[in-house]
C-alpha atoms as a PDB file:
ATOM      1  CA  UNK A   1      12.209  -6.973 -17.688  1.00  0.00           C
ATOM      2  CA  UNK A   2       9.351  -7.193 -15.205  1.00  0.00           C
ATOM      3  CA  UNK A   3       6.316  -9.246 -16.104  1.00  0.00           C
ATOM      4  CA  UNK A   4       3.100  -7.298 -15.803  1.00  0.00           C
ATOM      5  CA  UNK A   5       0.716  -9.098 -13.350  1.00  0.00           C
ATOM      6  CA  UNK A   6      -2.830  -9.859 -14.193  1.00  0.00           C
ATOM      7  CA  UNK A   7      -5.167  -6.929 -13.293  1.00  0.00           C
ATOM      8  CA  UNK A   8      -7.950  -7.674 -10.837  1.00  0.00           C
ATOM      9  CA  UNK A   9     -10.677  -5.287  -9.975  1.00  0.00           C
ATOM     10  CA  UNK A  10     -11.294  -7.065  -6.687  1.00  0.00           C
ATOM     11  CA  UNK A  11      -9.155  -5.859  -3.812  1.00  0.00           C
ATOM     12  CA  UNK A  12      -6.499  -8.531  -3.047  1.00  0.00           C
ATOM     13  CA  UNK A  13      -5.101  -6.825   0.111  1.00  0.00           C
ATOM     14  CA  UNK A  14      -6.789  -5.638   3.306  1.00  0.00           C
ATOM     15  CA  UNK A  15      -6.336  -2.657   5.744  1.00  0.00           C
ATOM     16  CA  UNK A  16      -3.616  -3.520   8.151  1.00  0.00           C
ATOM     17  CA  UNK A  17      -1.761  -5.833   5.795  1.00  0.00           C
ATOM     18  CA  UNK A  18       2.050  -5.372   5.375  1.00  0.00           C
ATOM     19  CA  UNK A  19       2.950  -5.276   1.714  1.00  0.00           C
ATOM     20  CA  UNK A  20       5.998  -4.430  -0.382  1.00  0.00           C
ATOM     21  CA  UNK A  21       6.285  -2.725  -3.782  1.00  0.00           C
ATOM     22  CA  UNK A  22       6.865  -4.959  -6.757  1.00  0.00           C
ATOM     23  CA  UNK A  23       9.336  -2.661  -8.548  1.00  0.00           C
ATOM     24  CA  UNK A  24      10.708  -0.263  -5.906  1.00  0.00           C
ATOM     25  CA  UNK A  25      12.371  -1.020  -2.577  1.00  0.00           C
ATOM     26  CA  UNK A  26       9.757   0.042  -0.044  1.00  0.00           C
ATOM     27  CA  UNK A  27       7.198  -1.607   2.122  1.00  0.00           C
ATOM     28  CA  UNK A  28       4.251  -0.419   4.061  1.00  0.00           C
ATOM     29  CA  UNK A  29       1.022  -1.108   5.983  1.00  0.00           C
ATOM     30  CA  UNK A  30      -2.381  -0.437   4.075  1.00  0.00           C
ATOM     31  CA  UNK A  31      -4.492   2.105   5.772  1.00  0.00           C
ATOM     32  CA  UNK A  32      -7.118   2.816   3.111  1.00  0.00           C
ATOM     33  CA  UNK A  33      -8.314   1.313  -0.237  1.00  0.00           C
ATOM     34  CA  UNK A  34      -9.777   2.976  -3.286  1.00  0.00           C
ATOM     35  CA  UNK A  35     -11.834   0.735  -5.582  1.00  0.00           C
ATOM     36  CA  UNK A  36     -10.134   2.410  -8.560  1.00  0.00           C
ATOM     37  CA  UNK A  37      -7.612   5.312  -9.192  1.00  0.00           C
ATOM     38  CA  UNK A  38      -8.731   8.331  -7.213  1.00  0.00           C
ATOM     39  CA  UNK A  39      -5.832  10.784  -7.374  1.00  0.00           C
ATOM     40  CA  UNK A  40      -5.149  13.784  -9.576  1.00  0.00           C
ATOM     41  CA  UNK A  41      -4.291  13.647 -13.234  1.00  0.00           C
ATOM     42  CA  UNK A  42      -1.058  15.584 -12.461  1.00  0.00           C
ATOM     43  CA  UNK A  43      -0.015  12.782 -10.021  1.00  0.00           C
ATOM     44  CA  UNK A  44      -0.947  10.178 -12.705  1.00  0.00           C
ATOM     45  CA  UNK A  45       1.058  11.882 -15.451  1.00  0.00           C
ATOM     46  CA  UNK A  46       4.056  12.236 -13.167  1.00  0.00           C
ATOM     47  CA  UNK A  47       4.530   8.455 -13.267  1.00  0.00           C
ATOM     48  CA  UNK A  48       6.803   7.335 -16.162  1.00  0.00           C
ATOM     49  CA  UNK A  49       4.703   5.816 -18.910  1.00  0.00           C
ATOM     50  CA  UNK A  50       6.643   2.553 -18.989  1.00  0.00           C
ATOM     51  CA  UNK A  51       5.668   1.833 -15.337  1.00  0.00           C
ATOM     52  CA  UNK A  52       2.396   3.763 -15.163  1.00  0.00           C
ATOM     53  CA  UNK A  53      -0.320   1.318 -13.887  1.00  0.00           C
ATOM     54  CA  UNK A  54      -3.895   0.981 -15.216  1.00  0.00           C
ATOM     55  CA  UNK A  55      -6.515   3.050 -13.451  1.00  0.00           C
ATOM     56  CA  UNK A  56      -9.322   0.556 -13.335  1.00  0.00           C
ATOM     57  CA  UNK A  57      -7.964  -1.426 -10.352  1.00  0.00           C
ATOM     58  CA  UNK A  58      -7.807  -1.026  -6.601  1.00  0.00           C
ATOM     59  CA  UNK A  59      -5.252   1.518  -5.260  1.00  0.00           C
ATOM     60  CA  UNK A  60      -4.019   1.425  -1.726  1.00  0.00           C
ATOM     61  CA  UNK A  61      -2.923   4.219   0.714  1.00  0.00           C
ATOM     62  CA  UNK A  62       0.122   3.026   2.608  1.00  0.00           C
ATOM     63  CA  UNK A  63       2.112   4.166   5.593  1.00  0.00           C
ATOM     64  CA  UNK A  64       5.384   3.374   3.819  1.00  0.00           C
ATOM     65  CA  UNK A  65       9.076   3.167   4.604  1.00  0.00           C
ATOM     66  CA  UNK A  66      12.349   2.703   2.817  1.00  0.00           C
ATOM     67  CA  UNK A  67      15.874   2.628   4.110  1.00  0.00           C
ATOM     68  CA  UNK A  68      15.993   6.412   4.411  1.00  0.00           C
ATOM     69  CA  UNK A  69      12.592   7.720   5.444  1.00  0.00           C
ATOM     70  CA  UNK A  70       8.892   7.121   6.127  1.00  0.00           C
ATOM     71  CA  UNK A  71       6.060   8.620   4.082  1.00  0.00           C
ATOM     72  CA  UNK A  72       2.621   8.006   2.663  1.00  0.00           C
ATOM     73  CA  UNK A  73       2.368   6.222  -0.644  1.00  0.00           C
ATOM     74  CA  UNK A  74      -0.441   5.623  -3.135  1.00  0.00           C
ATOM     75  CA  UNK A  75       0.087   2.336  -5.017  1.00  0.00           C
ATOM     76  CA  UNK A  76      -1.811   0.256  -7.511  1.00  0.00           C
ATOM     77  CA  UNK A  77      -2.694  -3.324  -6.736  1.00  0.00           C
ATOM     78  CA  UNK A  78      -0.640  -4.558  -9.661  1.00  0.00           C
ATOM     79  CA  UNK A  79       2.518  -3.157  -8.045  1.00  0.00           C
ATOM     80  CA  UNK A  80       2.072  -4.632  -4.571  1.00  0.00           C
ATOM     81  CA  UNK A  81       3.091  -8.020  -3.122  1.00  0.00           C
ATOM     82  CA  UNK A  82       2.430  -9.411   0.355  1.00  0.00           C
ATOM     83  CA  UNK A  83       5.414  -8.893   2.678  1.00  0.00           C
ATOM     84  CA  UNK A  84       6.111 -12.041   4.638  1.00  0.00           C
ATOM     85  CA  UNK A  85       9.110 -10.729   6.582  1.00  0.00           C
ATOM     86  CA  UNK A  86       7.057 -10.179   9.737  1.00  0.00           C
ATOM     87  CA  UNK A  87       9.113  -7.161  10.396  1.00  0.00           C
ATOM     88  CA  UNK A  88       7.144  -4.120  11.829  1.00  0.00           C
ATOM     89  CA  UNK A  89       6.700  -0.944   9.800  1.00  0.00           C
ATOM     90  CA  UNK A  90       8.433   1.962  11.525  1.00  0.00           C
ATOM     91  CA  UNK A  91       6.179   4.774  10.363  1.00  0.00           C
ATOM     92  CA  UNK A  92       5.171   7.295  13.014  1.00  0.00           C
ATOM     93  CA  UNK A  93       1.425   7.054  12.178  1.00  0.00           C
ATOM     94  CA  UNK A  94       1.150   3.294  12.481  1.00  0.00           C
ATOM     95  CA  UNK A  95       0.576   3.354  16.317  1.00  0.00           C
ATOM     96  CA  UNK A  96      -2.282   5.861  15.933  1.00  0.00           C
ATOM     97  CA  UNK A  97      -4.479   3.467  13.825  1.00  0.00           C
ATOM     98  CA  UNK A  98      -3.063   0.028  14.519  1.00  0.00           C
ATOM     99  CA  UNK A  99      -2.191  -2.249  17.472  1.00  0.00           C
ATOM    100  CA  UNK A 100      -0.129  -5.428  17.330  1.00  0.00           C
ATOM    101  CA  UNK A 101       1.358  -6.949  14.256  1.00  0.00           C
ATOM    102  CA  UNK A 102       0.326 -10.588  13.905  1.00  0.00           C
ATOM    103  CA  UNK A 103       1.387 -12.742  11.000  1.00  0.00           C
ATOM    104  CA  UNK A 104       1.920  -9.872   8.585  1.00  0.00           C
ATOM    105  CA  UNK A 105      -1.343  -8.096   9.593  1.00  0.00           C
ATOM    106  CA  UNK A 106      -1.732  -5.083  11.887  1.00  0.00           C
ATOM    107  CA  UNK A 107      -4.829  -5.166  14.104  1.00  0.00           C
ATOM    108  CA  UNK A 108      -6.933  -2.039  13.619  1.00  0.00           C
ATOM    109  CA  UNK A 109      -7.632  -0.248  16.818  1.00  0.00           C
ATOM    110  CA  UNK A 110     -11.158   0.325  17.789  1.00  0.00           C
ATOM    111  CA  UNK A 111     -12.248   3.912  18.487  1.00  0.00           C
ATOM    112  CA  UNK A 112     -15.127   4.986  20.655  1.00  0.00           C
ATOM    113  CA  UNK A 113     -18.175   6.351  18.752  1.00  0.00           C
ATOM    114  CA  UNK A 114     -18.769  10.060  19.409  1.00  0.00           C
END
């Protein structure tokens, strides 16, 4: 049985940080953060009740990957852990937003202002 982590309303992770899921075998790089749940009720209800996270915490948008594929994931803070493997994320969108991976953190590219 997994122990439920303490819920924090303050973001613990940053854009560009490599993280892994606490319960499922995937990892990813954060590309956006919502201060609290900001997805559809339908999406929310599709999560099995026994693992459904609380809404009043930060949620992270990830360029994610598992052994089979890459995709975008939306994950609650309580279900993320830092990934200290220092392995790159092989998602096709990572090079569009990020530069080098340094100590578990991708460097956000700077874009010219229009």
